[in-house]
């Protein structure tokens, strides 16, 4: 029994979808690397963001002690003046994942008194291409999705951090994605 033209086209589409799964994988960026979201250790968040490229679908992971920190997404104006009183979104679980859904500028700071002024603030530029992140721009920050302060569960992602642990996460998720492509191929082959 031979394959019909429709079956061949369908199999090619399924195989292609499986192969593109790896290239469409988003990244999970742990803010501040191993130090996390803190005022201790003089973490340079601007330097941290300059070492990565952020694209739509990526997520930021803020890990911190809830007794001393929180995360507030703010406008550019509030970011520059360290004003946390009119936040666009507030996160306070100690392990918050924030999805970067659209291209644009995202601004975050710690709302605890003095922390933003001490450098605990973050500007992330989400781009659709692989261009380096420029300095602050007058573009408005994107409006976040509604937040109740709880952290949504992270989506499958590859880590883009320089630690060995996050490198292992990246490798295992890439391997997992590649294996899912192989499974899709074999399933498609079995049905046709």
N, C-alpha and C. Protein backbone atom coordinates (compact mmCIF):
# COMPACT_ATOMS: atom_id res chain seq x y z
N UNK A 1 0.84 -1.17 0.00
CA UNK A 1 0.00 0.00 0.00
C UNK A 1 0.89 1.23 0.00
N UNK A 2 0.73 2.08 -0.96
CA UNK A 2 1.56 3.27 -1.09
C UNK A 2 0.96 4.46 -0.36
N UNK A 3 1.79 5.45 -0.18
CA UNK A 3 1.35 6.67 0.48
C UNK A 3 0.71 7.61 -0.52
N UNK A 4 -0.41 8.18 -0.16
CA UNK A 4 -1.05 9.16 -1.03
C UNK A 4 -0.33 10.51 -0.88
N UNK A 5 -0.54 11.38 -1.83
CA UNK A 5 0.07 12.72 -1.80
C UNK A 5 -0.34 13.46 -0.54
N UNK A 6 -1.60 13.35 -0.12
CA UNK A 6 -2.08 14.03 1.09
C UNK A 6 -1.37 13.50 2.33
N UNK A 7 -1.15 12.18 2.39
CA UNK A 7 -0.46 11.60 3.54
C UNK A 7 0.99 12.07 3.63
N UNK A 8 1.66 12.17 2.48
CA UNK A 8 3.05 12.63 2.45
C UNK A 8 3.12 14.08 2.93
N UNK A 9 2.23 14.93 2.45
CA UNK A 9 2.21 16.34 2.87
C UNK A 9 1.95 16.44 4.37
N UNK A 10 0.99 15.67 4.85
CA UNK A 10 0.68 15.69 6.28
C UNK A 10 1.89 15.25 7.10
N UNK A 11 2.59 14.20 6.66
CA UNK A 11 3.76 13.73 7.38
C UNK A 11 4.86 14.78 7.38
N UNK A 12 5.06 15.46 6.28
CA UNK A 12 6.08 16.53 6.21
C UNK A 12 5.73 17.66 7.17
N UNK A 13 4.47 18.01 7.24
CA UNK A 13 4.05 19.07 8.16
C UNK A 13 4.30 18.66 9.60
N UNK A 14 3.94 17.44 9.96
CA UNK A 14 4.14 16.96 11.33
C UNK A 14 5.63 16.92 11.68
N UNK A 15 6.45 16.43 10.79
CA UNK A 15 7.89 16.36 11.04
C UNK A 15 8.47 17.77 11.18
N UNK A 16 8.06 18.67 10.31
CA UNK A 16 8.55 20.05 10.38
C UNK A 16 8.16 20.70 11.69
N UNK A 17 6.93 20.48 12.14
CA UNK A 17 6.49 21.05 13.42
C UNK A 17 7.35 20.51 14.56
N UNK A 18 7.66 19.24 14.54
CA UNK A 18 8.51 18.66 15.57
C UNK A 18 9.92 19.22 15.56
N UNK A 19 10.45 19.46 14.36
CA UNK A 19 11.81 19.98 14.25
C UNK A 19 11.89 21.44 14.69
N UNK A 20 10.83 22.22 14.45
CA UNK A 20 10.85 23.62 14.84
C UNK A 20 10.62 23.81 16.32
N UNK A 21 10.17 22.80 17.02
CA UNK A 21 9.93 22.92 18.45
C UNK A 21 11.14 23.42 19.20
N UNK A 22 12.34 22.95 18.83
CA UNK A 22 13.55 23.36 19.53
C UNK A 22 13.88 24.83 19.28
N UNK A 23 13.71 25.29 18.06
CA UNK A 23 14.05 26.67 17.76
C UNK A 23 13.04 27.64 18.34
N UNK A 24 11.84 27.18 18.64
CA UNK A 24 10.82 28.04 19.21
C UNK A 24 10.83 28.04 20.73
N UNK A 25 11.73 27.27 21.32
CA UNK A 25 11.78 27.19 22.78
C UNK A 25 12.16 28.53 23.37
N UNK A 26 11.47 28.89 24.43
CA UNK A 26 11.76 30.15 25.10
C UNK A 26 12.80 29.92 26.19
N UNK A 27 13.30 31.01 26.74
CA UNK A 27 14.33 30.92 27.77
C UNK A 27 13.81 31.43 29.10
N UNK A 28 14.29 30.82 30.17
CA UNK A 28 14.00 31.25 31.52
C UNK A 28 15.27 31.90 32.04
N UNK A 29 15.21 33.19 32.38
CA UNK A 29 16.37 33.95 32.83
C UNK A 29 16.24 34.19 34.34
N UNK A 30 17.14 33.62 35.13
CA UNK A 30 17.12 33.85 36.57
C UNK A 30 17.78 35.21 36.83
N UNK A 31 16.98 36.15 37.27
CA UNK A 31 17.44 37.53 37.48
C UNK A 31 18.57 37.56 38.51
N UNK A 32 19.69 38.17 38.12
CA UNK A 32 20.84 38.30 39.02
C UNK A 32 21.71 37.07 39.08
N UNK A 33 21.41 36.06 38.27
CA UNK A 33 22.22 34.84 38.29
C UNK A 33 22.11 34.13 39.63
N UNK A 34 23.21 33.62 40.13
CA UNK A 34 23.19 32.85 41.38
C UNK A 34 22.86 33.72 42.59
N UNK A 35 23.11 35.03 42.52
CA UNK A 35 22.80 35.93 43.64
C UNK A 35 21.29 36.16 43.76
N UNK A 36 20.59 36.12 42.65
CA UNK A 36 19.14 36.34 42.68
C UNK A 36 18.79 37.82 42.77
N UNK A 37 17.61 38.09 43.26
CA UNK A 37 17.06 39.45 43.39
C UNK A 37 17.35 39.93 44.80
N UNK A 38 18.38 40.76 44.95
CA UNK A 38 18.86 41.13 46.28
C UNK A 38 19.61 42.46 46.24
N UNK A 39 19.84 43.01 47.42
CA UNK A 39 20.71 44.18 47.54
C UNK A 39 22.09 43.77 48.02
N UNK A 40 22.23 42.52 48.44
CA UNK A 40 23.52 42.02 48.93
C UNK A 40 24.43 41.66 47.77
N UNK A 41 25.72 41.84 47.96
CA UNK A 41 26.69 41.43 46.96
C UNK A 41 26.87 42.39 45.80
N UNK A 42 26.26 43.54 45.87
CA UNK A 42 26.41 44.55 44.80
C UNK A 42 26.16 43.98 43.41
N UNK A 43 25.02 43.35 43.23
CA UNK A 43 24.67 42.80 41.92
C UNK A 43 24.40 43.96 40.97
N UNK A 44 25.03 43.92 39.82
CA UNK A 44 24.83 44.94 38.79
C UNK A 44 23.81 44.39 37.79
N UNK A 45 22.54 44.76 37.99
CA UNK A 45 21.48 44.21 37.14
C UNK A 45 21.58 44.72 35.70
N UNK A 46 22.09 45.92 35.50
CA UNK A 46 22.27 46.42 34.14
C UNK A 46 23.31 45.57 33.40
N UNK A 47 24.38 45.23 34.09
CA UNK A 47 25.40 44.37 33.49
C UNK A 47 24.83 42.98 33.23
N UNK A 48 24.01 42.49 34.16
CA UNK A 48 23.40 41.18 33.99
C UNK A 48 22.53 41.14 32.73
N UNK A 49 21.71 42.17 32.51
CA UNK A 49 20.84 42.17 31.33
C UNK A 49 21.64 42.30 30.03
N UNK A 50 22.78 42.97 30.10
CA UNK A 50 23.57 43.17 28.87
C UNK A 50 24.22 41.87 28.39
N UNK A 51 24.27 40.85 29.24
CA UNK A 51 24.89 39.59 28.84
C UNK A 51 23.90 38.62 28.19
N UNK A 52 22.63 39.01 28.09
CA UNK A 52 21.61 38.14 27.51
C UNK A 52 20.81 38.88 26.46
N UNK A 53 20.14 38.13 25.62
CA UNK A 53 19.19 38.67 24.66
C UNK A 53 17.83 38.13 25.06
N UNK A 54 16.87 39.01 25.19
CA UNK A 54 15.53 38.66 25.62
C UNK A 54 14.59 38.77 24.43
N UNK A 55 13.82 37.71 24.20
CA UNK A 55 12.89 37.69 23.07
C UNK A 55 11.49 37.35 23.57
N UNK A 56 10.46 37.68 22.79
CA UNK A 56 9.10 37.34 23.20
C UNK A 56 8.97 35.86 23.50
N UNK A 57 8.29 35.55 24.60
CA UNK A 57 8.15 34.16 25.04
C UNK A 57 9.11 33.79 26.15
N UNK A 58 10.18 34.58 26.33
CA UNK A 58 11.10 34.34 27.44
C UNK A 58 10.41 34.70 28.75
N UNK A 59 10.99 34.27 29.85
CA UNK A 59 10.48 34.60 31.18
C UNK A 59 11.62 35.00 32.08
N UNK A 60 11.31 35.86 33.04
CA UNK A 60 12.26 36.23 34.09
C UNK A 60 11.86 35.50 35.35
N UNK A 61 12.85 34.96 36.06
CA UNK A 61 12.61 34.32 37.34
C UNK A 61 13.26 35.16 38.43
N UNK A 62 12.45 35.73 39.29
CA UNK A 62 12.94 36.52 40.42
C UNK A 62 12.91 35.63 41.66
N UNK A 63 14.10 35.37 42.25
CA UNK A 63 14.19 34.56 43.45
C UNK A 63 14.74 35.46 44.56
N UNK A 64 14.01 35.53 45.70
CA UNK A 64 14.38 36.47 46.76
C UNK A 64 13.73 36.08 48.08
N UNK A 65 14.20 36.69 49.16
CA UNK A 65 13.65 36.51 50.49
C UNK A 65 12.48 37.48 50.65
N UNK A 66 11.29 36.95 50.88
CA UNK A 66 10.09 37.79 50.96
C UNK A 66 10.06 38.70 52.19
N UNK A 67 10.88 38.44 53.18
CA UNK A 67 10.95 39.33 54.34
C UNK A 67 11.64 40.64 54.00
N UNK A 68 12.46 40.64 52.95
CA UNK A 68 13.27 41.81 52.65
C UNK A 68 13.05 42.39 51.25
N UNK A 69 12.37 41.66 50.37
CA UNK A 69 12.25 42.11 48.99
C UNK A 69 10.88 41.77 48.41
N UNK A 70 10.57 42.43 47.30
CA UNK A 70 9.44 42.11 46.45
C UNK A 70 9.83 42.54 45.04
N UNK A 71 8.94 42.39 44.09
CA UNK A 71 9.19 42.81 42.71
C UNK A 71 8.00 43.65 42.27
N UNK A 72 8.29 44.82 41.76
CA UNK A 72 7.24 45.69 41.23
C UNK A 72 7.58 46.01 39.79
N UNK A 73 6.64 45.75 38.89
CA UNK A 73 6.81 46.17 37.50
C UNK A 73 6.25 47.58 37.41
N UNK A 74 7.06 48.48 36.87
CA UNK A 74 6.71 49.90 36.87
C UNK A 74 6.91 50.51 35.48
N UNK A 75 6.46 51.74 35.34
CA UNK A 75 6.69 52.49 34.11
C UNK A 75 8.13 52.97 34.06
N UNK A 76 8.56 53.45 32.92
CA UNK A 76 9.92 53.99 32.78
C UNK A 76 10.14 55.15 33.73
N UNK A 77 9.16 56.05 33.80
CA UNK A 77 9.27 57.22 34.69
C UNK A 77 9.45 56.79 36.15
N UNK A 78 8.64 55.82 36.59
CA UNK A 78 8.76 55.34 37.98
C UNK A 78 10.06 54.60 38.19
N UNK A 79 10.54 53.91 37.16
CA UNK A 79 11.83 53.22 37.25
C UNK A 79 12.95 54.23 37.47
N UNK A 80 12.96 55.28 36.68
CA UNK A 80 14.03 56.28 36.79
C UNK A 80 14.01 57.02 38.13
N UNK A 81 12.82 57.20 38.69
CA UNK A 81 12.72 57.93 39.97
C UNK A 81 12.60 57.00 41.17
N UNK A 82 12.68 55.68 40.94
CA UNK A 82 12.53 54.68 42.01
C UNK A 82 11.21 54.85 42.77
N UNK A 83 10.14 55.06 42.03
CA UNK A 83 8.81 55.22 42.62
C UNK A 83 8.05 53.91 42.51
N UNK A 84 7.80 53.27 43.64
CA UNK A 84 7.11 51.97 43.64
C UNK A 84 5.63 52.10 44.00
N UNK A 85 5.14 53.31 44.17
CA UNK A 85 3.77 53.48 44.66
C UNK A 85 2.69 53.22 43.61
N UNK A 86 3.01 53.34 42.33
CA UNK A 86 2.00 53.10 41.30
C UNK A 86 2.44 51.99 40.36
N UNK A 87 2.74 50.84 40.93
CA UNK A 87 3.23 49.70 40.16
C UNK A 87 2.17 49.18 39.19
N UNK A 88 2.63 48.72 38.05
CA UNK A 88 1.75 48.08 37.07
C UNK A 88 1.39 46.66 37.52
N UNK A 89 2.32 46.02 38.22
CA UNK A 89 2.11 44.68 38.77
C UNK A 89 3.02 44.51 39.96
N UNK A 90 2.58 43.73 40.94
CA UNK A 90 3.38 43.46 42.14
C UNK A 90 3.48 41.95 42.32
N UNK A 91 4.69 41.50 42.62
CA UNK A 91 4.96 40.08 42.85
C UNK A 91 5.61 39.96 44.22
N UNK A 92 5.19 38.96 44.99
CA UNK A 92 5.74 38.84 46.34
C UNK A 92 5.80 37.42 46.86
N UNK A 93 5.95 36.44 45.98
CA UNK A 93 5.99 35.04 46.42
C UNK A 93 7.40 34.58 46.81
N UNK A 94 8.43 35.30 46.35
CA UNK A 94 9.80 34.89 46.60
C UNK A 94 10.39 34.06 45.47
N UNK A 95 9.53 33.63 44.57
CA UNK A 95 9.97 32.89 43.38
C UNK A 95 8.95 33.19 42.28
N UNK A 96 9.11 34.35 41.67
CA UNK A 96 8.13 34.84 40.71
C UNK A 96 8.63 34.71 39.28
N UNK A 97 7.80 34.16 38.43
CA UNK A 97 8.12 34.06 37.02
C UNK A 97 7.27 35.08 36.28
N UNK A 98 7.93 35.94 35.52
CA UNK A 98 7.24 36.99 34.77
C UNK A 98 7.47 36.72 33.28
N UNK A 99 6.39 36.52 32.55
CA UNK A 99 6.48 36.25 31.12
C UNK A 99 6.73 37.55 30.36
N UNK A 100 7.66 37.50 29.43
CA UNK A 100 7.95 38.62 28.55
C UNK A 100 7.26 38.30 27.23
N UNK A 101 6.02 38.69 27.12
CA UNK A 101 5.18 38.23 26.00
C UNK A 101 5.40 39.01 24.71
N UNK A 102 5.69 40.30 24.82
CA UNK A 102 5.79 41.13 23.62
C UNK A 102 7.10 41.91 23.61
N UNK A 103 7.55 42.33 22.43
CA UNK A 103 8.75 43.17 22.37
C UNK A 103 8.50 44.50 23.09
N UNK A 104 9.56 45.05 23.63
CA UNK A 104 9.44 46.35 24.31
C UNK A 104 10.30 46.41 25.55
N UNK A 105 10.14 47.49 26.28
CA UNK A 105 10.91 47.73 27.51
C UNK A 105 10.09 47.29 28.72
N UNK A 106 10.73 46.58 29.61
CA UNK A 106 10.12 46.15 30.87
C UNK A 106 10.98 46.71 32.00
N UNK A 107 10.33 47.25 33.02
CA UNK A 107 11.03 47.88 34.13
C UNK A 107 10.56 47.28 35.45
N UNK A 108 11.52 46.89 36.29
CA UNK A 108 11.20 46.28 37.58
C UNK A 108 12.06 46.94 38.66
N UNK A 109 11.53 46.95 39.89
CA UNK A 109 12.31 47.42 41.03
C UNK A 109 11.79 46.76 42.29
N UNK A 110 12.59 46.84 43.34
CA UNK A 110 12.16 46.35 44.64
C UNK A 110 11.45 47.51 45.33
N UNK A 111 10.28 47.23 45.89
CA UNK A 111 9.48 48.27 46.53
C UNK A 111 9.84 48.55 47.98
N UNK A 112 10.81 47.83 48.54
CA UNK A 112 11.21 48.09 49.91
C UNK A 112 12.02 49.38 49.96
N UNK A 113 11.81 50.19 50.98
CA UNK A 113 12.48 51.51 51.06
C UNK A 113 14.00 51.42 50.90
N UNK A 114 14.52 52.21 49.98
CA UNK A 114 15.96 52.33 49.77
C UNK A 114 16.57 51.30 48.85
N UNK A 115 15.85 50.22 48.55
CA UNK A 115 16.44 49.15 47.74
C UNK A 115 16.65 49.56 46.29
N UNK A 116 15.68 50.23 45.70
CA UNK A 116 15.84 50.69 44.32
C UNK A 116 17.01 51.67 44.23
N UNK A 117 17.07 52.58 45.16
CA UNK A 117 18.16 53.57 45.16
C UNK A 117 19.52 52.88 45.34
N UNK A 118 19.53 51.72 45.98
CA UNK A 118 20.77 50.96 46.17
C UNK A 118 21.11 50.11 44.95
N UNK A 119 20.27 50.16 43.91
CA UNK A 119 20.57 49.43 42.67
C UNK A 119 19.71 48.22 42.39
N UNK A 120 18.73 47.94 43.24
CA UNK A 120 17.88 46.77 43.01
C UNK A 120 16.73 47.16 42.08
N UNK A 121 17.11 47.33 40.82
CA UNK A 121 16.14 47.64 39.77
C UNK A 121 16.65 47.05 38.47
N UNK A 122 15.72 46.77 37.58
CA UNK A 122 16.05 46.01 36.38
C UNK A 122 15.29 46.57 35.18
N UNK A 123 16.04 46.83 34.11
CA UNK A 123 15.44 47.23 32.82
C UNK A 123 15.77 46.13 31.83
N UNK A 124 14.74 45.58 31.18
CA UNK A 124 14.92 44.52 30.20
C UNK A 124 14.31 44.99 28.89
N UNK A 125 15.07 44.86 27.81
CA UNK A 125 14.56 45.15 26.48
C UNK A 125 14.31 43.82 25.78
N UNK A 126 13.07 43.60 25.40
CA UNK A 126 12.68 42.39 24.67
C UNK A 126 12.65 42.74 23.19
N UNK A 127 13.45 42.01 22.41
CA UNK A 127 13.58 42.30 20.98
C UNK A 127 13.12 41.10 20.15
N UNK A 128 12.77 41.38 18.90
CA UNK A 128 12.36 40.29 18.02
C UNK A 128 13.53 39.74 17.23
N UNK A 129 14.66 40.44 17.25
CA UNK A 129 15.87 39.97 16.58
C UNK A 129 16.98 39.88 17.61
N UNK A 130 18.14 39.44 17.18
CA UNK A 130 19.27 39.28 18.09
C UNK A 130 20.15 40.52 18.07
N UNK A 131 19.57 41.66 18.43
CA UNK A 131 20.36 42.89 18.53
C UNK A 131 20.74 43.12 19.97
N UNK A 132 21.91 43.73 20.23
CA UNK A 132 22.32 43.97 21.60
C UNK A 132 21.37 44.95 22.29
N UNK A 133 21.25 44.81 23.60
CA UNK A 133 20.36 45.64 24.40
C UNK A 133 20.94 47.04 24.59
N UNK A 134 20.26 48.09 24.08
CA UNK A 134 20.77 49.45 24.28
C UNK A 134 20.41 49.99 25.65
N UNK A 135 20.87 51.20 25.94
CA UNK A 135 20.56 51.82 27.21
C UNK A 135 19.10 52.23 27.24
N UNK A 136 18.67 52.84 28.33
CA UNK A 136 17.27 53.22 28.50
C UNK A 136 16.76 54.02 27.32
N UNK A 137 15.53 53.77 26.97
CA UNK A 137 14.90 54.43 25.83
C UNK A 137 13.59 55.06 26.29
N UNK A 138 13.10 56.07 25.59
CA UNK A 138 11.87 56.70 26.02
C UNK A 138 10.62 55.88 25.72
N UNK A 139 10.76 54.71 25.10
CA UNK A 139 9.59 53.90 24.81
C UNK A 139 8.86 53.52 26.08
N UNK A 140 7.53 53.50 26.06
CA UNK A 140 6.79 53.10 27.26
C UNK A 140 6.94 51.61 27.50
N UNK A 141 6.77 51.22 28.76
CA UNK A 141 6.86 49.80 29.07
C UNK A 141 5.56 49.13 28.72
N UNK A 142 5.61 47.83 28.33
CA UNK A 142 4.38 47.12 27.98
C UNK A 142 3.52 46.94 29.22
N UNK A 143 2.23 46.87 29.00
CA UNK A 143 1.30 46.66 30.11
C UNK A 143 1.33 45.18 30.45
N UNK A 144 1.54 44.85 31.73
CA UNK A 144 1.61 43.44 32.11
C UNK A 144 0.23 42.81 32.12
N UNK A 145 0.22 41.49 32.08
CA UNK A 145 -1.04 40.80 32.22
C UNK A 145 -1.48 40.93 33.68
N UNK A 146 -2.77 40.83 33.95
CA UNK A 146 -3.26 41.00 35.32
C UNK A 146 -2.53 40.07 36.27
N UNK A 147 -2.23 40.60 37.45
CA UNK A 147 -1.47 39.84 38.43
C UNK A 147 -2.15 39.92 39.79
N UNK A 148 -2.16 38.81 40.46
CA UNK A 148 -2.69 38.79 41.81
C UNK A 148 -1.55 38.73 42.81
N UNK A 149 -0.33 38.90 42.31
CA UNK A 149 0.82 38.81 43.19
C UNK A 149 1.38 37.41 43.26
N UNK A 150 0.67 36.46 42.70
CA UNK A 150 1.19 35.10 42.72
C UNK A 150 1.95 34.85 41.44
N UNK A 151 2.78 33.91 41.50
CA UNK A 151 3.66 33.63 40.38
C UNK A 151 3.05 32.55 39.50
N UNK A 152 2.88 32.82 38.19
CA UNK A 152 2.41 31.76 37.31
C UNK A 152 3.46 30.69 37.15
N UNK A 153 3.02 29.49 36.84
CA UNK A 153 4.01 28.44 36.69
C UNK A 153 4.83 28.67 35.43
N UNK A 154 6.14 28.44 35.54
CA UNK A 154 6.99 28.69 34.38
C UNK A 154 6.69 27.72 33.25
N UNK A 155 6.86 28.21 32.03
CA UNK A 155 6.68 27.35 30.88
C UNK A 155 7.98 26.60 30.62
N UNK A 156 7.94 25.49 29.88
CA UNK A 156 9.19 24.81 29.56
C UNK A 156 10.12 25.79 28.87
N UNK A 157 11.34 25.83 29.34
CA UNK A 157 12.25 26.84 28.82
C UNK A 157 13.68 26.35 28.93
N UNK A 158 14.53 27.00 28.19
CA UNK A 158 15.95 26.76 28.34
C UNK A 158 16.53 27.91 29.12
N UNK A 159 17.42 27.63 30.03
CA UNK A 159 18.02 28.67 30.85
C UNK A 159 19.14 29.33 30.07
N UNK A 160 19.31 30.62 30.26
CA UNK A 160 20.40 31.33 29.60
C UNK A 160 21.24 32.00 30.66
N UNK A 161 21.79 31.23 31.53
CA UNK A 161 22.58 31.71 32.64
C UNK A 161 23.94 31.06 32.55
N UNK A 162 24.96 31.68 33.14
CA UNK A 162 26.30 31.17 32.98
C UNK A 162 26.69 30.12 34.01
N UNK A 163 25.82 29.74 34.91
CA UNK A 163 26.18 28.74 35.90
C UNK A 163 26.05 27.34 35.31
N UNK A 164 26.78 26.40 35.87
CA UNK A 164 26.76 25.03 35.37
C UNK A 164 25.38 24.41 35.54
N UNK A 165 24.68 24.73 36.63
CA UNK A 165 23.36 24.17 36.86
C UNK A 165 22.40 24.60 35.77
N UNK A 166 22.38 25.88 35.45
CA UNK A 166 21.46 26.34 34.42
C UNK A 166 21.87 25.84 33.05
N UNK A 167 23.16 25.64 32.81
CA UNK A 167 23.61 25.05 31.57
C UNK A 167 23.07 23.64 31.42
N UNK A 168 23.04 22.90 32.53
CA UNK A 168 22.50 21.55 32.52
C UNK A 168 21.01 21.58 32.23
N UNK A 169 20.29 22.55 32.78
CA UNK A 169 18.87 22.68 32.51
C UNK A 169 18.66 22.93 31.03
N UNK A 170 19.46 23.83 30.47
CA UNK A 170 19.34 24.17 29.05
C UNK A 170 19.58 22.93 28.19
N UNK A 171 20.63 22.17 28.51
CA UNK A 171 20.95 20.99 27.73
C UNK A 171 19.83 19.96 27.83
N UNK A 172 19.32 19.73 29.05
CA UNK A 172 18.30 18.69 29.20
C UNK A 172 17.02 19.08 28.49
N UNK A 173 16.65 20.37 28.52
CA UNK A 173 15.43 20.79 27.84
C UNK A 173 15.61 20.75 26.33
N UNK A 174 16.81 21.09 25.83
CA UNK A 174 17.06 20.99 24.40
C UNK A 174 17.02 19.54 23.97
N UNK A 175 17.61 18.66 24.77
CA UNK A 175 17.58 17.24 24.47
C UNK A 175 16.14 16.74 24.49
N UNK A 176 15.36 17.19 25.47
CA UNK A 176 13.96 16.80 25.56
C UNK A 176 13.19 17.25 24.33
N UNK A 177 13.44 18.47 23.89
CA UNK A 177 12.77 18.99 22.69
C UNK A 177 13.17 18.19 21.47
N UNK A 178 14.45 17.88 21.35
CA UNK A 178 14.92 17.09 20.21
C UNK A 178 14.28 15.70 20.23
N UNK A 179 14.19 15.12 21.41
CA UNK A 179 13.58 13.79 21.52
C UNK A 179 12.11 13.84 21.15
N UNK A 180 11.41 14.94 21.52
CA UNK A 180 10.01 15.04 21.15
C UNK A 180 9.86 15.10 19.63
N UNK A 181 10.81 15.73 18.95
CA UNK A 181 10.81 15.75 17.48
C UNK A 181 10.96 14.36 16.91
N UNK A 182 11.82 13.55 17.52
CA UNK A 182 12.01 12.17 17.08
C UNK A 182 10.73 11.37 17.30
N UNK A 183 10.08 11.57 18.45
CA UNK A 183 8.84 10.87 18.74
C UNK A 183 7.77 11.24 17.72
N UNK A 184 7.66 12.53 17.42
CA UNK A 184 6.69 12.98 16.42
C UNK A 184 6.96 12.30 15.08
N UNK A 185 8.23 12.19 14.71
CA UNK A 185 8.59 11.53 13.45
C UNK A 185 8.12 10.08 13.44
N UNK A 186 8.42 9.35 14.53
CA UNK A 186 8.05 7.94 14.57
C UNK A 186 6.54 7.75 14.61
N UNK A 187 5.84 8.61 15.33
CA UNK A 187 4.38 8.51 15.37
C UNK A 187 3.82 8.75 13.97
N UNK A 188 4.32 9.79 13.32
CA UNK A 188 3.86 10.07 11.96
C UNK A 188 4.16 8.90 11.03
N UNK A 189 5.33 8.31 11.17
CA UNK A 189 5.73 7.18 10.34
C UNK A 189 4.82 5.97 10.57
N UNK A 190 4.45 5.75 11.84
CA UNK A 190 3.60 4.60 12.20
C UNK A 190 2.19 4.74 11.61
N UNK A 191 1.68 5.98 11.56
CA UNK A 191 0.33 6.18 11.06
C UNK A 191 0.28 6.13 9.54
N UNK A 192 1.40 6.32 8.88
CA UNK A 192 1.39 6.34 7.42
C UNK A 192 2.17 5.16 6.93
